[in-house]
Amino acid sequence: MTGTTAPRKGGRWIERWDPEDETFWKETGERTARRNLVYSVFSEHIGFSIWSLWSVMVLFMGPAYGIDPAGKFFLIATATCVGGLVRVPYTFAVARFGGRNWTVFSAVLLLVPTVAAIVVMEPGTSYGTFLVVAALTGVGGGNFASSMTNINAFFPLRKKGWALGLNAGGGNIGVPVVQLAGLLVIATAGAAHPRYLLAAYIPLIVTAAVLAAVRMDNLAPVRNDTGAVREALRDAHTWIMAFLYVGTFGSFIGYSFAFGLVLQTQFGRTPLQAASLTFMGPLLGSLIRPVGGALADRFGGARITLGTFVAMAAATSVVVFASQRSSLPVFLVGFVALFVLSGLGNGSTYKMIPGIFQAKALARGMSGESAAAYGRRLSGASMGLIGAVGALGGLGINLVFREAFRTSGSGTTAFVTFLGFYALCCAVTWAVYLRRPVAPVIHTVGVETKPQLTSV
């Protein structure tokens, strides 16, 4: 039954899946995995667009809406928060319902916030109603967790950096795409017509659901493992990596949601001017994420991650300088650099996760398929938790921006805060994963081992 699809639970189920077996991978596995990756990317892409919808909607909300900048930051923070929280159940839904089945359902669910936004998006709607609808868009953030968990199971360890980077990067591009679409609407129809943008996404959502239904597969061997979840929760590395992912993905999604509003509020840009600049950073950050994964495959995720955080601290220093001098050109250079670097870091940190747990397996005396299985088991259990915490980093960024603009009318103090955080991320990455001797001690609850982590 190698690589065959058998009917089970009413869907397309693959009963045997062994990507670490090179013969199986060459004969049937790679082709099937790549096909599922393509349609996973498309569905996740639409999910990211809906999740980041309010980063665009706030550009349409002129004085007639009666919402100040602090209120707008809180709208996008609400969407970010819900998107982070739902990543936990979305992670476990893949094993419970099947990757293909859940992709179909989660795509269809995107119609709810999109249609709701069409109904309420006009002056006179209460702020509370806008908050509820913004919260609904958070379901799009959950698509990332289920998609990454699903694709993680399809690919062998040696290909995970590339595959997870491509999957996540293709999804992340949903942010600049919806922002570009918003720019097109504002430039052609004007800022009074946000419903044109919302209506354009309805057929795209339906297309994503249909393609997932007819082209994707469920993996029967993937099961929710409560023991693995408990072990991942107790493992210090789950939370260390979650912290580092706050620094990379939390930065990416937080800045993506806030960029246009920062340009409007601090630099006085019009909706059209802001929209014409907003998409650049998220686009470059999304495109480079697979590169971060590929570099991590070659040079080690920890090395790339540390270099990324050092560079992010430098870019943030540039942004602080530009913010103090009110220099928009310098600000754009530094801010776009932050997007590019966060994209690189997104790819490298996610590569580290399966590598860490496989290294622990080798340190425990496992080898071959048993070590690979342990790595898949623990990395799959931890990825949803890490992804959820990382997304909540975006919430933190928007709340820090909200407070900075509320108290001082400028984002300078927010950027100083972020600079300190990146310095802390540098220290943690070096101390835990790169400090000499080469084989650092991994501390877990009741376990202390010394694996070789140079490939992490």
Protein backbone atom coordinates (compact mmCIF):
# COMPACT_ATOMS: atom_id res chain seq x y z
CA MET A 1 0.00 0.00 0.00
CA THR A 2 3.02 2.26 -0.32
CA GLY A 3 1.86 5.73 -1.31
CA THR A 4 -1.65 4.58 -2.15
CA THR A 5 -4.82 6.40 -1.24
CA ALA A 6 -7.52 4.42 0.51
CA PRO A 7 -11.05 5.59 1.30
CA ARG A 8 -11.38 6.31 4.97
CA LYS A 9 -13.75 8.49 6.94
CA GLY A 10 -15.28 9.60 3.67
CA GLY A 11 -12.22 11.39 2.25
CA ARG A 12 -8.91 10.99 0.41
CA TRP A 13 -6.70 9.15 2.91
CA ILE A 14 -3.12 7.93 2.41
CA GLU A 15 -2.68 4.93 4.69
CA ARG A 16 1.14 4.63 4.64
CA TRP A 17 3.51 7.56 4.68
CA ASP A 18 7.27 7.23 5.22
CA PRO A 19 9.11 10.25 3.74
CA GLU A 20 12.43 9.31 5.40
CA ASP A 21 12.52 6.14 3.25
CA GLU A 22 14.44 7.38 0.19
CA THR A 23 12.94 4.78 -2.14
CA PHE A 24 9.40 5.62 -1.08
CA TRP A 25 10.18 9.32 -1.38
CA LYS A 26 11.57 9.07 -4.91
CA GLU A 27 8.86 6.75 -6.21
CA THR A 28 5.69 8.34 -4.86
CA GLY A 29 6.29 10.50 -1.80
CA GLU A 30 7.89 13.59 -3.32
CA ARG A 31 5.29 13.97 -6.04
CA THR A 32 2.41 13.68 -3.56
CA ALA A 33 4.04 15.99 -1.03
CA ARG A 34 4.70 18.71 -3.60
CA ARG A 35 1.11 18.57 -4.85
CA ASN A 36 -0.24 19.00 -1.35
CA LEU A 37 2.23 21.80 -0.72
CA VAL A 38 0.99 23.80 -3.72
CA TYR A 39 -2.66 23.81 -2.64
CA SER A 40 -1.77 24.27 1.00
CA VAL A 41 0.13 27.43 0.05
CA PHE A 42 -2.84 28.82 -1.88
CA SER A 43 -5.31 28.22 0.93
CA GLU A 44 -2.96 29.61 3.57
CA HIS A 45 -2.30 32.61 1.32
CA ILE A 46 -6.01 33.50 1.28
CA GLY A 47 -6.16 32.93 5.04
CA PHE A 48 -3.37 35.45 5.63
CA SER A 49 -5.12 37.98 3.40
CA ILE A 50 -8.32 37.73 5.43
CA TRP A 51 -6.42 37.80 8.73
CA SER A 52 -4.63 41.02 7.71
CA LEU A 53 -7.78 42.56 6.23
CA TRP A 54 -8.05 45.22 8.92
CA SER A 55 -4.57 46.53 8.21
CA VAL A 56 -6.20 47.69 4.97
CA MET A 57 -9.69 48.50 6.26
CA VAL A 58 -8.31 51.12 8.65
CA LEU A 59 -6.92 52.99 5.63
CA PHE A 60 -10.49 53.33 4.35
CA MET A 61 -11.74 54.64 7.70
CA GLY A 62 -11.61 58.42 7.34
CA PRO A 63 -12.86 61.08 9.78
CA ALA A 64 -16.50 60.09 9.13
CA TYR A 65 -15.91 56.87 11.04
CA GLY A 66 -14.98 58.79 14.20
CA ILE A 67 -12.15 56.42 15.24
CA ASP A 68 -8.80 57.85 16.40
CA PRO A 69 -5.40 56.21 15.69
CA ALA A 70 -5.36 54.43 19.08
CA GLY A 71 -8.75 52.90 18.28
CA LYS A 72 -7.54 51.74 14.89
CA PHE A 73 -4.44 50.14 16.38
CA PHE A 74 -6.71 48.28 18.79
CA LEU A 75 -8.84 46.99 15.89
CA ILE A 76 -5.84 45.43 14.19
CA ALA A 77 -4.51 44.21 17.54
CA THR A 78 -7.81 42.40 18.10
CA ALA A 79 -7.49 40.56 14.78
CA THR A 80 -3.88 39.68 15.63
CA CYS A 81 -4.82 38.35 19.07
CA VAL A 82 -7.60 36.06 17.86
CA GLY A 83 -5.42 34.81 15.00
CA GLY A 84 -2.76 33.79 17.50
CA LEU A 85 -5.14 32.07 19.91
CA VAL A 86 -6.94 29.94 17.30
CA ARG A 87 -3.64 28.52 16.09
CA VAL A 88 -3.63 26.06 18.98
CA PRO A 89 -6.88 24.22 18.10
CA TYR A 90 -6.09 24.51 14.38
CA THR A 91 -2.83 22.64 14.97
CA PHE A 92 -4.58 19.62 16.46
CA ALA A 93 -7.45 19.71 13.95
CA VAL A 94 -5.17 18.32 11.22
CA ALA A 95 -4.71 14.98 12.99
CA ARG A 96 -8.31 14.85 14.15
CA PHE A 97 -9.99 15.56 10.81
CA GLY A 98 -7.24 15.16 8.19
CA GLY A 99 -5.11 17.85 6.55
CA ARG A 100 -7.15 17.96 3.36
CA ASN A 101 -10.51 17.96 5.16
CA TRP A 102 -9.49 20.70 7.56
CA THR A 103 -8.04 22.83 4.75
CA VAL A 104 -11.42 22.71 3.00
CA PHE A 105 -13.33 23.60 6.16
CA SER A 106 -10.97 26.38 7.25
CA ALA A 107 -11.09 27.92 3.77
CA VAL A 108 -14.90 27.96 3.72
CA LEU A 109 -14.90 29.51 7.20
CA LEU A 110 -13.12 32.57 5.78
CA LEU A 111 -16.41 33.57 4.16
CA VAL A 112 -17.81 34.49 7.59
CA PRO A 113 -15.51 37.46 8.41
CA THR A 114 -15.45 38.57 4.77
CA VAL A 115 -19.22 38.75 4.42
CA ALA A 116 -19.54 40.31 7.88
CA ALA A 117 -17.10 43.06 6.90
CA ILE A 118 -19.11 43.74 3.73
CA VAL A 119 -22.21 44.25 5.87
CA VAL A 120 -20.72 46.61 8.48
CA MET A 121 -18.05 48.58 6.61
CA GLU A 122 -19.59 52.07 6.55
CA PRO A 123 -19.60 55.23 8.70
CA GLY A 124 -22.05 55.09 11.58
CA THR A 125 -21.31 51.48 12.51
CA SER A 126 -20.49 51.21 16.21
CA TYR A 127 -16.92 50.66 17.32
CA GLY A 128 -17.98 47.52 19.20
CA THR A 129 -19.34 46.04 15.97
CA PHE A 130 -16.06 46.75 14.20
CA LEU A 131 -14.21 45.00 17.04
CA VAL A 132 -16.35 41.87 16.69
CA VAL A 133 -15.87 41.72 12.92
CA ALA A 134 -12.13 42.34 13.26
CA ALA A 135 -11.98 39.47 15.76
CA LEU A 136 -13.70 37.17 13.24
CA THR A 137 -10.88 37.70 10.76
CA GLY A 138 -8.60 35.95 13.26
CA VAL A 139 -9.71 32.58 11.85
CA GLY A 140 -7.46 33.36 8.88
CA GLY A 141 -4.47 33.36 11.23
CA GLY A 142 -5.30 29.82 12.31
CA ASN A 143 -4.81 28.56 8.76
CA PHE A 144 -1.06 28.97 9.15
CA ALA A 145 -0.86 26.57 12.09
CA SER A 146 -2.88 23.80 10.46
CA SER A 147 -1.07 24.23 7.15
CA MET A 148 2.40 24.10 8.71
CA THR A 149 1.52 21.07 10.84
CA ASN A 150 0.15 19.31 7.77
CA ILE A 151 3.13 20.06 5.51
CA ASN A 152 5.59 19.19 8.27
CA ALA A 153 4.22 15.63 8.18
CA PHE A 154 4.58 15.34 4.39
CA PHE A 155 8.31 16.11 4.07
CA PRO A 156 11.50 14.40 5.34
CA LEU A 157 13.73 16.26 7.78
CA ARG A 158 16.31 17.13 5.11
CA LYS A 159 13.62 18.97 3.11
CA LYS A 160 11.65 20.58 5.94
CA GLY A 161 13.48 23.92 5.93
CA TRP A 162 12.74 24.44 2.26
CA ALA A 163 9.18 23.08 2.37
CA LEU A 164 8.09 24.87 5.53
CA GLY A 165 9.74 28.09 4.34
CA LEU A 166 7.96 27.90 0.99
CA ASN A 167 4.64 27.02 2.59
CA ALA A 168 4.85 29.84 5.11
CA GLY A 169 6.32 32.35 2.66
CA GLY A 170 3.59 31.69 0.12
CA GLY A 171 1.04 32.18 2.87
CA ASN A 172 2.72 35.32 4.19
CA ILE A 173 2.45 36.88 0.72
CA GLY A 174 -1.28 37.07 1.38
CA VAL A 175 -0.52 40.15 3.51
CA PRO A 176 1.05 42.34 0.77
CA VAL A 177 -1.39 41.01 -1.83
CA VAL A 178 -4.45 42.23 0.09
CA GLN A 179 -2.63 45.51 0.70
CA LEU A 180 -1.89 45.88 -3.01
CA ALA A 181 -5.52 45.08 -3.76
CA GLY A 182 -6.53 47.77 -1.28
CA LEU A 183 -4.20 50.22 -3.03
CA LEU A 184 -5.86 49.39 -6.36
CA VAL A 185 -9.32 50.05 -4.94
CA ILE A 186 -8.30 53.33 -3.30
CA ALA A 187 -6.50 54.50 -6.46
CA THR A 188 -9.37 53.66 -8.82
CA ALA A 189 -12.61 53.86 -6.83
CA GLY A 190 -11.53 55.95 -3.85
CA ALA A 191 -11.32 55.39 -0.11
CA ALA A 192 -15.10 55.35 0.20
CA HIS A 193 -15.46 51.90 -1.41
CA PRO A 194 -13.91 49.21 0.82
CA ARG A 195 -16.64 46.74 -0.17
CA TYR A 196 -15.09 46.35 -3.63
CA LEU A 197 -12.01 44.80 -2.03
CA LEU A 198 -14.04 42.54 0.24
CA ALA A 199 -16.25 41.28 -2.58
CA ALA A 200 -13.21 40.36 -4.68
CA TYR A 201 -12.10 37.84 -2.05
CA ILE A 202 -15.30 35.79 -2.00
CA PRO A 203 -14.59 33.86 -5.27
CA LEU A 204 -10.96 33.40 -4.20
CA ILE A 205 -12.05 31.79 -0.94
CA VAL A 206 -14.42 29.45 -2.77
CA THR A 207 -11.66 28.53 -5.26
CA ALA A 208 -9.23 27.69 -2.44
CA ALA A 209 -11.79 25.39 -0.80
CA VAL A 210 -12.64 23.59 -4.06
CA LEU A 211 -9.00 23.05 -5.05
CA ALA A 212 -8.17 21.68 -1.60
CA ALA A 213 -11.11 19.28 -1.84
CA VAL A 214 -10.10 17.82 -5.20
CA ARG A 215 -6.28 17.96 -5.05
CA MET A 216 -5.14 17.43 -1.45
CA ASP A 217 -4.83 14.30 0.71
CA ASN A 218 -5.19 13.28 4.34
CA LEU A 219 -2.39 11.34 6.02
CA ALA A 220 -3.83 8.49 8.06
CA PRO A 221 -0.62 7.93 10.12
CA VAL A 222 -0.86 11.45 11.54
CA ARG A 223 -2.59 11.24 14.90
CA ASN A 224 -2.98 13.60 17.81
CA ASP A 225 -0.59 12.40 20.46
CA THR A 226 -1.56 13.77 23.86
CA GLY A 227 1.64 12.36 25.30
CA ALA A 228 3.67 14.32 22.75
CA VAL A 229 1.71 17.47 23.56
CA ARG A 230 2.38 17.08 27.27
CA GLU A 231 6.05 16.41 26.58
CA ALA A 232 6.28 19.46 24.30
CA LEU A 233 4.61 21.63 26.94
CA ARG A 234 7.16 20.50 29.54
CA ASP A 235 10.13 20.92 27.22
CA ALA A 236 12.00 24.19 27.74
CA HIS A 237 12.86 24.35 24.03
CA THR A 238 9.22 24.71 23.04
CA TRP A 239 9.04 27.96 24.99
CA ILE A 240 12.51 29.15 24.03
CA MET A 241 11.64 28.73 20.35
CA ALA A 242 8.25 30.38 20.95
CA PHE A 243 10.11 33.37 22.41
CA LEU A 244 12.43 33.56 19.39
CA TYR A 245 9.45 33.22 17.03
CA VAL A 246 7.89 36.23 18.73
CA GLY A 247 10.97 38.12 17.56
CA THR A 248 10.73 36.92 13.95
CA PHE A 249 7.12 36.17 13.03
CA GLY A 250 5.66 38.43 15.72
CA SER A 251 7.64 41.27 14.18
CA PHE A 252 6.57 40.37 10.65
CA ILE A 253 2.85 40.18 11.35
CA GLY A 254 2.83 43.07 13.84
CA TYR A 255 4.65 45.40 11.47
CA SER A 256 2.54 44.22 8.52
CA PHE A 257 -0.66 45.16 10.32
CA ALA A 258 0.68 48.47 11.64
CA PHE A 259 2.83 49.82 8.78
CA GLY A 260 0.14 51.75 6.91
CA LEU A 261 -1.31 53.22 10.07
CA VAL A 262 2.15 54.33 11.26
CA LEU A 263 2.71 56.09 7.93
CA GLN A 264 -0.64 57.86 8.22
CA THR A 265 -0.29 58.82 11.86
CA GLN A 266 3.40 59.72 12.23
CA PHE A 267 4.22 60.95 8.72
CA GLY A 268 0.84 62.40 7.68
CA ARG A 269 0.41 60.22 4.59
CA THR A 270 -2.98 60.09 2.86
CA PRO A 271 -4.75 56.70 2.52
CA LEU A 272 -3.50 56.42 -1.08
CA GLN A 273 0.05 57.41 -0.16
CA ALA A 274 0.12 54.99 2.75
CA ALA A 275 -1.34 52.14 0.70
CA SER A 276 1.24 52.73 -2.04
CA LEU A 277 4.04 52.04 0.46
CA THR A 278 2.51 49.55 2.89
CA PHE A 279 2.80 46.44 0.73
CA MET A 280 6.56 46.67 0.07
CA GLY A 281 7.83 45.37 3.39
CA PRO A 282 5.43 42.42 3.77
CA LEU A 283 6.04 41.41 0.15
CA LEU A 284 9.81 41.28 0.52
CA GLY A 285 9.56 39.59 3.92
CA SER A 286 7.28 36.91 2.49
CA LEU A 287 9.40 36.25 -0.59
CA ILE A 288 12.58 35.80 1.42
CA ARG A 289 11.15 33.41 4.01
CA PRO A 290 11.95 30.28 1.91
CA VAL A 291 15.49 31.62 1.57
CA GLY A 292 15.77 31.69 5.35
CA GLY A 293 14.69 28.05 5.46
CA ALA A 294 17.11 27.05 2.72
CA LEU A 295 20.02 28.88 4.40
CA ALA A 296 19.15 27.13 7.65
CA ASP A 297 19.18 23.76 5.86
CA ARG A 298 22.72 24.50 4.69
CA PHE A 299 24.35 26.47 7.51
CA GLY A 300 22.22 25.68 10.56
CA GLY A 301 19.12 27.45 11.78
CA ALA A 302 20.68 28.88 14.94
CA ARG A 303 23.48 30.64 13.05
CA ILE A 304 21.04 32.24 10.60
CA THR A 305 18.65 33.18 13.40
CA LEU A 306 21.36 34.88 15.45
CA GLY A 307 22.62 36.82 12.44
CA THR A 308 19.06 37.86 11.70
CA PHE A 309 18.46 39.24 15.19
CA VAL A 310 21.74 41.17 15.14
CA ALA A 311 20.75 42.75 11.82
CA MET A 312 17.21 43.46 13.09
CA ALA A 313 18.66 45.35 16.03
CA ALA A 314 20.77 47.41 13.62
CA ALA A 315 17.79 48.13 11.36
CA THR A 316 15.70 49.17 14.38
CA SER A 317 18.43 51.64 15.35
CA VAL A 318 18.06 53.18 11.89
CA VAL A 319 14.28 53.40 12.37
CA VAL A 320 14.69 55.09 15.78
CA PHE A 321 17.03 57.66 14.21
CA ALA A 322 14.63 58.31 11.32
CA SER A 323 11.65 58.56 13.68
CA GLN A 324 13.43 61.17 15.80
CA ARG A 325 14.43 63.18 12.72
CA SER A 326 11.05 62.70 10.94
CA SER A 327 12.90 61.41 7.86
CA LEU A 328 10.49 59.31 5.82
CA PRO A 329 13.08 58.00 3.29
CA VAL A 330 15.43 56.76 6.03
CA PHE A 331 12.47 55.39 7.98
CA LEU A 332 11.33 53.38 4.95
CA VAL A 333 14.82 51.93 4.41
CA GLY A 334 15.06 50.77 8.02
CA PHE A 335 11.48 49.53 8.25
CA VAL A 336 11.59 47.56 5.01
CA ALA A 337 14.89 46.04 6.17
CA LEU A 338 13.07 44.85 9.30
CA PHE A 339 10.52 43.07 7.12
CA VAL A 340 13.21 41.36 5.04
CA LEU A 341 15.13 40.25 8.11
CA SER A 342 12.04 39.02 9.94
CA GLY A 343 11.20 36.95 6.85
CA LEU A 344 14.65 35.35 6.92
CA GLY A 345 14.29 34.66 10.62
CA ASN A 346 10.86 33.11 10.14
CA GLY A 347 12.35 30.50 7.84
CA SER A 348 15.37 29.76 10.03
CA THR A 349 13.49 29.47 13.33
CA TYR A 350 10.97 27.00 11.92
CA LYS A 351 13.84 24.91 10.55
CA MET A 352 15.32 24.78 14.05
CA ILE A 353 12.25 23.13 15.61
CA PRO A 354 12.44 19.64 14.00
CA GLY A 355 16.24 19.76 14.18
CA ILE A 356 16.20 20.37 17.94
CA PHE A 357 13.92 17.44 18.67
CA GLN A 358 15.78 15.09 16.35
CA ALA A 359 19.03 16.08 18.07
CA LYS A 360 17.45 15.19 21.40
CA ALA A 361 16.43 11.81 20.00
CA LEU A 362 20.00 11.10 18.90
CA ALA A 363 21.28 12.12 22.32
CA ARG A 364 18.93 9.56 23.88
CA GLY A 365 20.49 6.80 21.82
CA MET A 366 17.86 6.63 19.06
CA SER A 367 18.90 6.34 15.44
CA GLY A 368 17.49 6.17 11.94
CA GLU A 369 13.71 6.08 11.64
CA SER A 370 13.13 5.99 15.39
CA ALA A 371 14.98 9.29 15.80
CA ALA A 372 13.15 10.78 12.82
CA ALA A 373 9.79 9.63 14.18
CA TYR A 374 10.54 11.15 17.57
CA GLY A 375 11.53 14.42 15.90
CA ARG A 376 8.32 14.51 13.83
CA ARG A 377 6.23 13.64 16.88
CA LEU A 378 7.60 16.36 19.14
CA SER A 379 8.06 19.03 16.46
CA GLY A 380 4.49 18.51 15.24
CA ALA A 381 3.17 18.86 18.78
CA SER A 382 5.21 21.99 19.47
CA MET A 383 4.74 23.86 16.19
CA GLY A 384 1.19 24.94 16.90
CA LEU A 385 2.14 26.23 20.33
CA ILE A 386 5.18 28.05 18.96
CA GLY A 387 3.18 29.51 16.08
CA ALA A 388 0.44 30.72 18.44
CA VAL A 389 2.85 32.45 20.81
CA GLY A 390 4.73 33.97 17.87
CA ALA A 391 1.54 35.43 16.43
CA LEU A 392 0.70 36.95 19.81
CA GLY A 393 3.95 38.85 19.43
CA GLY A 394 2.16 40.77 16.70
CA LEU A 395 -0.47 41.70 19.27
CA GLY A 396 2.27 43.01 21.53
CA ILE A 397 3.72 45.15 18.75
CA ASN A 398 0.38 46.77 17.96
CA LEU A 399 -0.38 47.42 21.64
CA VAL A 400 3.06 49.00 22.10
CA PHE A 401 2.43 51.19 19.05
CA ARG A 402 -1.01 52.11 20.39
CA GLU A 403 0.45 53.23 23.71
CA ALA A 404 3.32 55.12 22.07
CA PHE A 405 1.03 57.10 19.78
CA ARG A 406 -1.53 57.65 22.53
CA THR A 407 1.01 59.16 24.91
CA SER A 408 3.48 60.90 22.60
CA GLY A 409 2.01 60.99 19.10
CA SER A 410 5.12 59.21 17.79
CA GLY A 411 6.30 55.64 17.41
CA THR A 412 9.84 56.36 18.63
CA THR A 413 9.40 54.89 22.11
CA ALA A 414 7.86 51.77 20.57
CA PHE A 415 10.91 51.22 18.36
CA VAL A 416 13.26 51.68 21.32
CA THR A 417 11.29 48.95 23.10
CA PHE A 418 11.63 46.65 20.09
CA LEU A 419 15.38 47.32 19.95
CA GLY A 420 15.78 46.08 23.51
CA PHE A 421 13.74 42.98 22.73
CA TYR A 422 15.90 42.07 19.71
CA ALA A 423 19.02 42.40 21.87
CA LEU A 424 17.49 39.91 24.29
CA CYS A 425 16.68 37.53 21.41
CA CYS A 426 20.33 37.68 20.32
CA ALA A 427 21.47 36.76 23.80
CA VAL A 428 19.03 33.85 24.12
CA THR A 429 19.89 32.40 20.69
CA TRP A 430 23.61 32.53 21.37
CA ALA A 431 23.41 31.25 24.94
CA VAL A 432 21.12 28.30 24.25
CA TYR A 433 22.06 27.13 20.76
CA LEU A 434 25.49 28.48 19.80
CA ARG A 435 27.54 28.96 22.96
CA ARG A 436 30.74 26.91 23.08
CA PRO A 437 31.33 24.04 23.72
CA VAL A 438 29.64 23.00 20.51
CA ALA A 439 27.37 20.48 22.25
CA PRO A 440 25.34 22.60 24.71
CA VAL A 441 23.26 21.08 27.47
CA ILE A 442 19.53 20.85 26.78
CA HIS A 443 17.47 21.15 29.93
CA THR A 444 14.06 19.55 30.05
CA VAL A 445 11.87 18.45 32.88
CA GLY A 446 13.68 15.49 34.41
CA VAL A 447 16.07 15.09 31.45
CA GLU A 448 19.52 16.47 30.78
CA THR A 449 21.30 15.47 27.58
CA LYS A 450 24.17 16.75 25.47
CA PRO A 451 23.31 16.39 21.77
CA GLN A 452 25.25 17.81 18.88
CA LEU A 453 23.21 20.86 17.84
CA THR A 454 25.40 22.38 15.14
CA SER A 455 22.78 21.48 12.52
CA VAL A 456 19.93 23.06 14.47
